[in-house]
Amino acid sequence: MLASSAEIAAVADLARRFGTMIKARDIEALAPWLADAKAGPLATFAAGLERDRAAVEAALTEPWSTRPVEGRINKLKLIKRQMYGRAGLDLLRQRVMHA
């Protein structure tokens, strides 16, 4: 697929570089990545990151994370979606406390 489409190859390269940048927490790679992404098929995504650049830079440099909290919120939302219209607060509380 990569050989058949230059656009798919470009997106794959940008995605790979983005993943490496995030895993390595390499803030120096952010500016070049944004420049390349803005000129390619990920321009909208890059523009969104640029608008919130302070948060992106903080995510790459700060040692703390909200991942555990986000994980619990995601799990709670999943339980609520599964139970939609089926039961009241008592059953929801029971499932959340024992989940």
PDB file of N, CA and C in Angstrom:
ATOM      1  N   MET A   1       0.816  -1.189   0.000  1.00  0.00           N
ATOM      2  CA  MET A   1       0.000   0.000   0.000  1.00  0.00           C
ATOM      3  C   MET A   1       0.870   1.268   0.000  1.00  0.00           C
ATOM      4  N   LEU A   2       1.950   1.204   0.767  1.00  0.00           N
ATOM      5  CA  LEU A   2       2.823   2.375   0.846  1.00  0.00           C
ATOM      6  C   LEU A   2       3.435   2.704  -0.508  1.00  0.00           C
ATOM      7  N   ALA A   3       3.758   1.682  -1.267  1.00  0.00           N
ATOM      8  CA  ALA A   3       4.380   1.898  -2.573  1.00  0.00           C
ATOM      9  C   ALA A   3       3.383   2.422  -3.596  1.00  0.00           C
ATOM     10  N   SER A   4       2.112   2.133  -3.401  1.00  0.00           N
ATOM     11  CA  SER A   4       1.115   2.535  -4.392  1.00  0.00           C
ATOM     12  C   SER A   4       0.621   3.963  -4.208  1.00  0.00           C
ATOM     13  N   SER A   5       0.804   4.551  -3.044  1.00  0.00           N
ATOM     14  CA  SER A   5       0.283   5.897  -2.802  1.00  0.00           C
ATOM     15  C   SER A   5       1.289   6.729  -2.011  1.00  0.00           C
ATOM     16  N   ALA A   6       1.685   7.826  -2.588  1.00  0.00           N
ATOM     17  CA  ALA A   6       2.625   8.731  -1.904  1.00  0.00           C
ATOM     18  C   ALA A   6       1.969   9.356  -0.675  1.00  0.00           C
ATOM     19  N   GLU A   7       0.671   9.616  -0.746  1.00  0.00           N
ATOM     20  CA  GLU A   7      -0.032  10.230   0.380  1.00  0.00           C
ATOM     21  C   GLU A   7      -0.100   9.273   1.573  1.00  0.00           C
ATOM     22  N   ILE A   8      -0.380   8.005   1.304  1.00  0.00           N
ATOM     23  CA  ILE A   8      -0.412   7.015   2.386  1.00  0.00           C
ATOM     24  C   ILE A   8       0.979   6.850   2.984  1.00  0.00           C
ATOM     25  N   ALA A   9       1.998   6.843   2.152  1.00  0.00           N
ATOM     26  CA  ALA A   9       3.372   6.735   2.639  1.00  0.00           C
ATOM     27  C   ALA A   9       3.729   7.933   3.518  1.00  0.00           C
ATOM     28  N   ALA A  10       3.286   9.129   3.115  1.00  0.00           N
ATOM     29  CA  ALA A  10       3.571  10.338   3.895  1.00  0.00           C
ATOM     30  C   ALA A  10       2.875  10.283   5.250  1.00  0.00           C
ATOM     31  N   VAL A  11       1.619   9.850   5.255  1.00  0.00           N
ATOM     32  CA  VAL A  11       0.880   9.752   6.518  1.00  0.00           C
ATOM     33  C   VAL A  11       1.520   8.708   7.427  1.00  0.00           C
ATOM     34  N   ALA A  12       1.913   7.577   6.868  1.00  0.00           N
ATOM     35  CA  ALA A  12       2.559   6.530   7.660  1.00  0.00           C
ATOM     36  C   ALA A  12       3.861   7.036   8.273  1.00  0.00           C
ATOM     37  N   ASP A  13       4.649   7.768   7.496  1.00  0.00           N
ATOM     38  CA  ASP A  13       5.906   8.312   8.003  1.00  0.00           C
ATOM     39  C   ASP A  13       5.647   9.316   9.122  1.00  0.00           C
ATOM     40  N   LEU A  14       4.678  10.208   8.913  1.00  0.00           N
ATOM     41  CA  LEU A  14       4.348  11.196   9.943  1.00  0.00           C
ATOM     42  C   LEU A  14       3.839  10.516  11.207  1.00  0.00           C
ATOM     43  N   ALA A  15       3.014   9.491  11.054  1.00  0.00           N
ATOM     44  CA  ALA A  15       2.481   8.775  12.214  1.00  0.00           C
ATOM     45  C   ALA A  15       3.604   8.079  12.973  1.00  0.00           C
ATOM     46  N   ARG A  16       4.524   7.453  12.253  1.00  0.00           N
ATOM     47  CA  ARG A  16       5.656   6.792  12.885  1.00  0.00           C
ATOM     48  C   ARG A  16       6.511   7.797  13.658  1.00  0.00           C
ATOM     49  N   ARG A  17       6.801   8.908  13.015  1.00  0.00           N
ATOM     50  CA  ARG A  17       7.615   9.943  13.669  1.00  0.00           C
ATOM     51  C   ARG A  17       6.905  10.518  14.899  1.00  0.00           C
ATOM     52  N   PHE A  18       5.590  10.708  14.786  1.00  0.00           N
ATOM     53  CA  PHE A  18       4.807  11.245  15.909  1.00  0.00           C
ATOM     54  C   PHE A  18       4.864  10.275  17.092  1.00  0.00           C
ATOM     55  N   GLY A  19       4.667   8.989  16.825  1.00  0.00           N
ATOM     56  CA  GLY A  19       4.732   7.987  17.882  1.00  0.00           C
ATOM     57  C   GLY A  19       6.089   7.943  18.558  1.00  0.00           C
ATOM     58  N   THR A  20       7.137   8.001  17.766  1.00  0.00           N
ATOM     59  CA  THR A  20       8.493   8.011  18.311  1.00  0.00           C
ATOM     60  C   THR A  20       8.728   9.252  19.162  1.00  0.00           C
ATOM     61  N   MET A  21       8.253  10.394  18.674  1.00  0.00           N
ATOM     62  CA  MET A  21       8.414  11.649  19.406  1.00  0.00           C
ATOM     63  C   MET A  21       7.705  11.576  20.759  1.00  0.00           C
ATOM     64  N   ILE A  22       6.493  11.046  20.778  1.00  0.00           N
ATOM     65  CA  ILE A  22       5.725  10.967  22.024  1.00  0.00           C
ATOM     66  C   ILE A  22       6.382   9.975  22.992  1.00  0.00           C
ATOM     67  N   LYS A  23       6.744   8.806  22.504  1.00  0.00           N
ATOM     68  CA  LYS A  23       7.353   7.789  23.382  1.00  0.00           C
ATOM     69  C   LYS A  23       8.668   8.269  23.958  1.00  0.00           C
ATOM     70  N   ALA A  24       9.476   8.944  23.148  1.00  0.00           N
ATOM     71  CA  ALA A  24      10.778   9.428  23.609  1.00  0.00           C
ATOM     72  C   ALA A  24      10.680  10.765  24.345  1.00  0.00           C
ATOM     73  N   ARG A  25       9.487  11.368  24.302  1.00  0.00           N
ATOM     74  CA  ARG A  25       9.256  12.684  24.919  1.00  0.00           C
ATOM     75  C   ARG A  25      10.276  13.697  24.398  1.00  0.00           C
ATOM     76  N   ASP A  26      10.424  13.698  23.083  1.00  0.00           N
ATOM     77  CA  ASP A  26      11.428  14.520  22.398  1.00  0.00           C
ATOM     78  C   ASP A  26      10.806  15.830  21.924  1.00  0.00           C
ATOM     79  N   ILE A  27      10.928  16.865  22.741  1.00  0.00           N
ATOM     80  CA  ILE A  27      10.326  18.161  22.414  1.00  0.00           C
ATOM     81  C   ILE A  27      11.035  18.829  21.235  1.00  0.00           C
ATOM     82  N   GLU A  28      12.304  18.488  21.037  1.00  0.00           N
ATOM     83  CA  GLU A  28      13.060  19.071  19.922  1.00  0.00           C
ATOM     84  C   GLU A  28      12.502  18.614  18.569  1.00  0.00           C
ATOM     85  N   ALA A  29      11.863  17.463  18.517  1.00  0.00           N
ATOM     86  CA  ALA A  29      11.319  16.936  17.264  1.00  0.00           C
ATOM     87  C   ALA A  29       9.945  17.523  16.938  1.00  0.00           C
ATOM     88  N   LEU A  30       9.345  18.264  17.877  1.00  0.00           N
ATOM     89  CA  LEU A  30       7.990  18.782  17.672  1.00  0.00           C
ATOM     90  C   LEU A  30       7.910  19.799  16.540  1.00  0.00           C
ATOM     91  N   ALA A  31       8.778  20.793  16.540  1.00  0.00           N
ATOM     92  CA  ALA A  31       8.714  21.847  15.509  1.00  0.00           C
ATOM     93  C   ALA A  31       8.910  21.293  14.100  1.00  0.00           C
ATOM     94  N   PRO A  32       9.920  20.457  13.854  1.00  0.00           N
ATOM     95  CA  PRO A  32      10.060  19.906  12.508  1.00  0.00           C
ATOM     96  C   PRO A  32       8.875  19.011  12.115  1.00  0.00           C
ATOM     97  N   TRP A  33       8.348  18.262  13.086  1.00  0.00           N
ATOM     98  CA  TRP A  33       7.209  17.402  12.777  1.00  0.00           C
ATOM     99  C   TRP A  33       5.996  18.250  12.398  1.00  0.00           C
ATOM    100  N   LEU A  34       5.751  19.306  13.161  1.00  0.00           N
ATOM    101  CA  LEU A  34       4.612  20.184  12.855  1.00  0.00           C
ATOM    102  C   LEU A  34       4.759  20.816  11.470  1.00  0.00           C
ATOM    103  N   ALA A  35       5.965  21.248  11.135  1.00  0.00           N
ATOM    104  CA  ALA A  35       6.192  21.856   9.815  1.00  0.00           C
ATOM    105  C   ALA A  35       5.906  20.855   8.704  1.00  0.00           C
ATOM    106  N   ASP A  36       6.376  19.630   8.855  1.00  0.00           N
ATOM    107  CA  ASP A  36       6.133  18.603   7.840  1.00  0.00           C
ATOM    108  C   ASP A  36       4.659  18.223   7.774  1.00  0.00           C
ATOM    109  N   ALA A  37       4.022  18.122   8.931  1.00  0.00           N
ATOM    110  CA  ALA A  37       2.615  17.719   8.968  1.00  0.00           C
ATOM    111  C   ALA A  37       1.708  18.792   8.374  1.00  0.00           C
ATOM    112  N   LYS A  38       2.031  20.062   8.618  1.00  0.00           N
ATOM    113  CA  LYS A  38       1.222  21.161   8.062  1.00  0.00           C
ATOM    114  C   LYS A  38       1.271  21.180   6.544  1.00  0.00           C
ATOM    115  N   ALA A  39       2.367  20.722   5.972  1.00  0.00           N
ATOM    116  CA  ALA A  39       2.526  20.728   4.519  1.00  0.00           C
ATOM    117  C   ALA A  39       1.957  19.463   3.874  1.00  0.00           C
ATOM    118  N   GLY A  40       1.496  18.533   4.692  1.00  0.00           N
ATOM    119  CA  GLY A  40       1.015  17.263   4.151  1.00  0.00           C
ATOM    120  C   GLY A  40      -0.438  17.000   4.469  1.00  0.00           C
ATOM    121  N   PRO A  41      -0.823  15.733   4.396  1.00  0.00           N
ATOM    122  CA  PRO A  41      -2.214  15.351   4.582  1.00  0.00           C
ATOM    123  C   PRO A  41      -2.718  15.457   6.027  1.00  0.00           C
ATOM    124  N   LEU A  42      -1.818  15.670   6.976  1.00  0.00           N
ATOM    125  CA  LEU A  42      -2.238  15.814   8.375  1.00  0.00           C
ATOM    126  C   LEU A  42      -2.280  17.278   8.806  1.00  0.00           C
ATOM    127  N   ALA A  43      -2.525  18.169   7.858  1.00  0.00           N
ATOM    128  CA  ALA A  43      -2.501  19.608   8.137  1.00  0.00           C
ATOM    129  C   ALA A  43      -3.514  20.015   9.199  1.00  0.00           C
ATOM    130  N   THR A  44      -4.707  19.448   9.164  1.00  0.00           N
ATOM    131  CA  THR A  44      -5.739  19.803  10.141  1.00  0.00           C
ATOM    132  C   THR A  44      -5.334  19.361  11.540  1.00  0.00           C
ATOM    133  N   PHE A  45      -4.812  18.141  11.652  1.00  0.00           N
ATOM    134  CA  PHE A  45      -4.353  17.640  12.947  1.00  0.00           C
ATOM    135  C   PHE A  45      -3.209  18.504  13.471  1.00  0.00           C
ATOM    136  N   ALA A  46      -2.268  18.848  12.596  1.00  0.00           N
ATOM    137  CA  ALA A  46      -1.130  19.682  12.994  1.00  0.00           C
ATOM    138  C   ALA A  46      -1.582  21.063  13.433  1.00  0.00           C
ATOM    139  N   ALA A  47      -2.581  21.614  12.748  1.00  0.00           N
ATOM    140  CA  ALA A  47      -3.096  22.933  13.128  1.00  0.00           C
ATOM    141  C   ALA A  47      -3.715  22.883  14.521  1.00  0.00           C
ATOM    142  N   GLY A  48      -4.410  21.793  14.831  1.00  0.00           N
ATOM    143  CA  GLY A  48      -4.980  21.630  16.163  1.00  0.00           C
ATOM    144  C   GLY A  48      -3.908  21.543  17.230  1.00  0.00           C
ATOM    145  N   LEU A  49      -2.839  20.818  16.939  1.00  0.00           N
ATOM    146  CA  LEU A  49      -1.728  20.737  17.896  1.00  0.00           C
ATOM    147  C   LEU A  49      -1.049  22.094  18.059  1.00  0.00           C
ATOM    148  N   GLU A  50      -0.940  22.809  16.970  1.00  0.00           N
ATOM    149  CA  GLU A  50      -0.310  24.137  17.013  1.00  0.00           C
ATOM    150  C   GLU A  50      -1.128  25.098  17.874  1.00  0.00           C
ATOM    151  N   ARG A  51      -2.461  25.026  17.755  1.00  0.00           N
ATOM    152  CA  ARG A  51      -3.325  25.897  18.557  1.00  0.00           C
ATOM    153  C   ARG A  51      -3.139  25.639  20.042  1.00  0.00           C
ATOM    154  N   ASP A  52      -2.873  24.395  20.402  1.00  0.00           N
ATOM    155  CA  ASP A  52      -2.716  24.030  21.804  1.00  0.00           C
ATOM    156  C   ASP A  52      -1.278  23.602  22.085  1.00  0.00           C
ATOM    157  N   ARG A  53      -0.356  24.311  21.495  1.00  0.00           N
ATOM    158  CA  ARG A  53       1.058  23.938  21.570  1.00  0.00           C
ATOM    159  C   ARG A  53       1.586  23.906  23.000  1.00  0.00           C
ATOM    160  N   ALA A  54       1.121  24.807  23.841  1.00  0.00           N
ATOM    161  CA  ALA A  54       1.593  24.823  25.228  1.00  0.00           C
ATOM    162  C   ALA A  54       1.257  23.505  25.929  1.00  0.00           C
ATOM    163  N   ALA A  55       0.072  22.979  25.688  1.00  0.00           N
ATOM    164  CA  ALA A  55      -0.320  21.707  26.303  1.00  0.00           C
ATOM    165  C   ALA A  55       0.497  20.552  25.733  1.00  0.00           C
ATOM    166  N   VAL A  56       0.769  20.587  24.430  1.00  0.00           N
ATOM    167  CA  VAL A  56       1.567  19.529  23.799  1.00  0.00           C
ATOM    168  C   VAL A  56       2.981  19.549  24.361  1.00  0.00           C
ATOM    169  N   GLU A  57       3.562  20.727  24.475  1.00  0.00           N
ATOM    170  CA  GLU A  57       4.909  20.835  25.031  1.00  0.00           C
ATOM    171  C   GLU A  57       4.950  20.385  26.487  1.00  0.00           C
ATOM    172  N   ALA A  58       3.912  20.721  27.247  1.00  0.00           N
ATOM    173  CA  ALA A  58       3.852  20.284  28.647  1.00  0.00           C
ATOM    174  C   ALA A  58       3.755  18.761  28.723  1.00  0.00           C
ATOM    175  N   ALA A  59       2.985  18.168  27.823  1.00  0.00           N
ATOM    176  CA  ALA A  59       2.862  16.701  27.809  1.00  0.00           C
ATOM    177  C   ALA A  59       4.200  16.037  27.510  1.00  0.00           C
ATOM    178  N   LEU A  60       5.028  16.687  26.706  1.00  0.00           N
ATOM    179  CA  LEU A  60       6.322  16.118  26.351  1.00  0.00           C
ATOM    180  C   LEU A  60       7.389  16.356  27.419  1.00  0.00           C
ATOM    181  N   THR A  61       7.204  17.367  28.246  1.00  0.00           N
ATOM    182  CA  THR A  61       8.251  17.719  29.210  1.00  0.00           C
ATOM    183  C   THR A  61       7.911  17.401  30.661  1.00  0.00           C
ATOM    184  N   GLU A  62       6.653  17.440  31.035  1.00  0.00           N
ATOM    185  CA  GLU A  62       6.284  17.229  32.433  1.00  0.00           C
ATOM    186  C   GLU A  62       6.298  15.735  32.780  1.00  0.00           C
ATOM    187  N   PRO A  63       6.734  15.405  33.986  1.00  0.00           N
ATOM    188  CA  PRO A  63       6.823  13.990  34.371  1.00  0.00           C
ATOM    189  C   PRO A  63       5.486  13.364  34.776  1.00  0.00           C
ATOM    190  N   TRP A  64       4.488  14.181  35.097  1.00  0.00           N
ATOM    191  CA  TRP A  64       3.223  13.623  35.572  1.00  0.00           C
ATOM    192  C   TRP A  64       2.240  13.451  34.421  1.00  0.00           C
ATOM    193  N   SER A  65       1.226  12.642  34.689  1.00  0.00           N
ATOM    194  CA  SER A  65       0.248  12.311  33.664  1.00  0.00           C
ATOM    195  C   SER A  65      -1.126  12.117  34.298  1.00  0.00           C
ATOM    196  N   THR A  66      -2.177  12.308  33.521  1.00  0.00           N
ATOM    197  CA  THR A  66      -3.538  12.071  33.996  1.00  0.00           C
ATOM    198  C   THR A  66      -4.068  10.739  33.485  1.00  0.00           C
ATOM    199  N   ARG A  67      -3.199   9.881  32.964  1.00  0.00           N
ATOM    200  CA  ARG A  67      -3.628   8.603  32.405  1.00  0.00           C
ATOM    201  C   ARG A  67      -4.472   7.762  33.359  1.00  0.00           C
ATOM    202  N   PRO A  68      -4.077   7.602  34.640  1.00  0.00           N
ATOM    203  CA  PRO A  68      -4.907   6.776  35.526  1.00  0.00           C
ATOM    204  C   PRO A  68      -6.328   7.325  35.677  1.00  0.00           C
ATOM    205  N   VAL A  69      -6.457   8.634  35.794  1.00  0.00           N
ATOM    206  CA  VAL A  69      -7.777   9.246  35.928  1.00  0.00           C
ATOM    207  C   VAL A  69      -8.571   9.070  34.650  1.00  0.00           C
ATOM    208  N   GLU A  70      -7.930   9.297  33.510  1.00  0.00           N
ATOM    209  CA  GLU A  70      -8.620   9.136  32.229  1.00  0.00           C
ATOM    210  C   GLU A  70      -9.069   7.702  32.025  1.00  0.00           C
ATOM    211  N   GLY A  71      -8.274   6.756  32.495  1.00  0.00           N
ATOM    212  CA  GLY A  71      -8.650   5.353  32.391  1.00  0.00           C
ATOM    213  C   GLY A  71      -9.901   5.036  33.193  1.00  0.00           C
ATOM    214  N   ARG A  72      -9.987   5.578  34.385  1.00  0.00           N
ATOM    215  CA  ARG A  72     -11.182   5.349  35.221  1.00  0.00           C
ATOM    216  C   ARG A  72     -12.414   6.006  34.605  1.00  0.00           C
ATOM    217  N   ILE A  73     -12.251   7.205  34.079  1.00  0.00           N
ATOM    218  CA  ILE A  73     -13.377   7.895  33.433  1.00  0.00           C
ATOM    219  C   ILE A  73     -13.851   7.095  32.229  1.00  0.00           C
ATOM    220  N   ASN A  74     -12.917   6.596  31.424  1.00  0.00           N
ATOM    221  CA  ASN A  74     -13.270   5.800  30.254  1.00  0.00           C
ATOM    222  C   ASN A  74     -14.034   4.543  30.661  1.00  0.00           C
ATOM    223  N   LYS A  75     -13.582   3.885  31.731  1.00  0.00           N
ATOM    224  CA  LYS A  75     -14.249   2.678  32.207  1.00  0.00           C
ATOM    225  C   LYS A  75     -15.665   2.994  32.696  1.00  0.00           C
ATOM    226  N   LEU A  76     -15.830   4.100  33.411  1.00  0.00           N
ATOM    227  CA  LEU A  76     -17.147   4.511  33.891  1.00  0.00           C
ATOM    228  C   LEU A  76     -18.093   4.787  32.725  1.00  0.00           C
ATOM    229  N   LYS A  77     -17.603   5.484  31.702  1.00  0.00           N
ATOM    230  CA  LYS A  77     -18.434   5.768  30.532  1.00  0.00           C
ATOM    231  C   LYS A  77     -18.840   4.497  29.805  1.00  0.00           C
ATOM    232  N   LEU A  78     -17.939   3.529  29.745  1.00  0.00           N
ATOM    233  CA  LEU A  78     -18.261   2.245  29.118  1.00  0.00           C
ATOM    234  C   LEU A  78     -19.384   1.545  29.866  1.00  0.00           C
ATOM    235  N   ILE A  79     -19.284   1.514  31.194  1.00  0.00           N
ATOM    236  CA  ILE A  79     -20.330   0.881  32.004  1.00  0.00           C
ATOM    237  C   ILE A  79     -21.662   1.596  31.803  1.00  0.00           C
ATOM    238  N   LYS A  80     -21.648   2.926  31.793  1.00  0.00           N
ATOM    239  CA  LYS A  80     -22.886   3.692  31.601  1.00  0.00           C
ATOM    240  C   LYS A  80     -23.505   3.403  30.239  1.00  0.00           C
ATOM    241  N   ARG A  81     -22.674   3.304  29.186  1.00  0.00           N
ATOM    242  CA  ARG A  81     -23.205   2.997  27.852  1.00  0.00           C
ATOM    243  C   ARG A  81     -23.816   1.609  27.812  1.00  0.00           C
ATOM    244  N   GLN A  82     -23.182   0.655  28.482  1.00  0.00           N
ATOM    245  CA  GLN A  82     -23.702  -0.708  28.504  1.00  0.00           C
ATOM    246  C   GLN A  82     -25.040  -0.789  29.224  1.00  0.00           C
ATOM    247  N   MET A  83     -25.236   0.073  30.206  1.00  0.00           N
ATOM    248  CA  MET A  83     -26.441   0.016  31.020  1.00  0.00           C
ATOM    249  C   MET A  83     -27.508   1.015  30.588  1.00  0.00           C
ATOM    250  N   TYR A  84     -27.292   1.737  29.529  1.00  0.00           N
ATOM    251  CA  TYR A  84     -28.195   2.823  29.141  1.00  0.00           C
ATOM    252  C   TYR A  84     -29.658   2.383  29.153  1.00  0.00           C
ATOM    253  N   GLY A  85     -30.473   3.043  29.980  1.00  0.00           N
ATOM    254  CA  GLY A  85     -31.904   2.791  30.032  1.00  0.00           C
ATOM    255  C   GLY A  85     -32.297   1.518  30.749  1.00  0.00           C
ATOM    256  N   ARG A  86     -31.363   0.800  31.343  1.00  0.00           N
ATOM    257  CA  ARG A  86     -31.687  -0.503  31.931  1.00  0.00           C
ATOM    258  C   ARG A  86     -31.880  -0.461  33.438  1.00  0.00           C
ATOM    259  N   ALA A  87     -31.192   0.422  34.113  1.00  0.00           N
ATOM    260  CA  ALA A  87     -31.255   0.389  35.564  1.00  0.00           C
ATOM    261  C   ALA A  87     -30.974   1.767  36.131  1.00  0.00           C
ATOM    262  N   GLY A  88     -31.151   1.863  37.401  1.00  0.00           N
ATOM    263  CA  GLY A  88     -30.965   3.144  38.070  1.00  0.00           C
ATOM    264  C   GLY A  88     -29.582   3.305  38.662  1.00  0.00           C
ATOM    265  N   LEU A  89     -29.474   4.304  39.500  1.00  0.00           N
ATOM    266  CA  LEU A  89     -28.205   4.673  40.111  1.00  0.00           C
ATOM    267  C   LEU A  89     -27.661   3.573  41.021  1.00  0.00           C
ATOM    268  N   ASP A  90     -28.539   2.830  41.677  1.00  0.00           N
ATOM    269  CA  ASP A  90     -28.077   1.782  42.599  1.00  0.00           C
ATOM    270  C   ASP A  90     -27.269   0.707  41.873  1.00  0.00           C
ATOM    271  N   LEU A  91     -27.786   0.234  40.746  1.00  0.00           N
ATOM    272  CA  LEU A  91     -27.068  -0.791  39.997  1.00  0.00           C
ATOM    273  C   LEU A  91     -25.775  -0.228  39.398  1.00  0.00           C
ATOM    274  N   LEU A  92     -25.836   1.010  38.916  1.00  0.00           N
ATOM    275  CA  LEU A  92     -24.631   1.650  38.383  1.00  0.00           C
ATOM    276  C   LEU A  92     -23.556   1.734  39.463  1.00  0.00           C
ATOM    277  N   ARG A  93     -23.941   2.160  40.661  1.00  0.00           N
ATOM    278  CA  ARG A  93     -22.994   2.267  41.770  1.00  0.00           C
ATOM    279  C   ARG A  93     -22.404   0.884  42.082  1.00  0.00           C
ATOM    280  N   GLN A  94     -23.255  -0.144  42.092  1.00  0.00           N
ATOM    281  CA  GLN A  94     -22.802  -1.508  42.359  1.00  0.00           C
ATOM    282  C   GLN A  94     -21.762  -1.947  41.323  1.00  0.00           C
ATOM    283  N   ARG A  95     -22.019  -1.694  40.048  1.00  0.00           N
ATOM    284  CA  ARG A  95     -21.099  -2.112  38.985  1.00  0.00           C
ATOM    285  C   ARG A  95     -19.791  -1.326  39.034  1.00  0.00           C
ATOM    286  N   VAL A  96     -19.866  -0.040  39.363  1.00  0.00           N
ATOM    287  CA  VAL A  96     -18.663   0.778  39.408  1.00  0.00           C
ATOM    288  C   VAL A  96     -17.779   0.379  40.589  1.00  0.00           C
ATOM    289  N   MET A  97     -18.370   0.125  41.719  1.00  0.00           N
ATOM    290  CA  MET A  97     -17.590  -0.231  42.908  1.00  0.00           C
ATOM    291  C   MET A  97     -16.944  -1.602  42.777  1.00  0.00           C
ATOM    292  N   HIS A  98     -17.536  -2.482  41.992  1.00  0.00           N
ATOM    293  CA  HIS A  98     -16.993  -3.840  41.857  1.00  0.00           C
ATOM    294  C   HIS A  98     -16.296  -4.056  40.525  1.00  0.00           C
ATOM    295  N   ALA A  99     -16.135  -2.983  39.754  1.00  0.00           N
ATOM    296  CA  ALA A  99     -15.496  -3.127  38.441  1.00  0.00           C
ATOM    297  C   ALA A  99     -14.000  -3.049  38.550  1.00  0.00           C
TER     298      ALA A  99
END
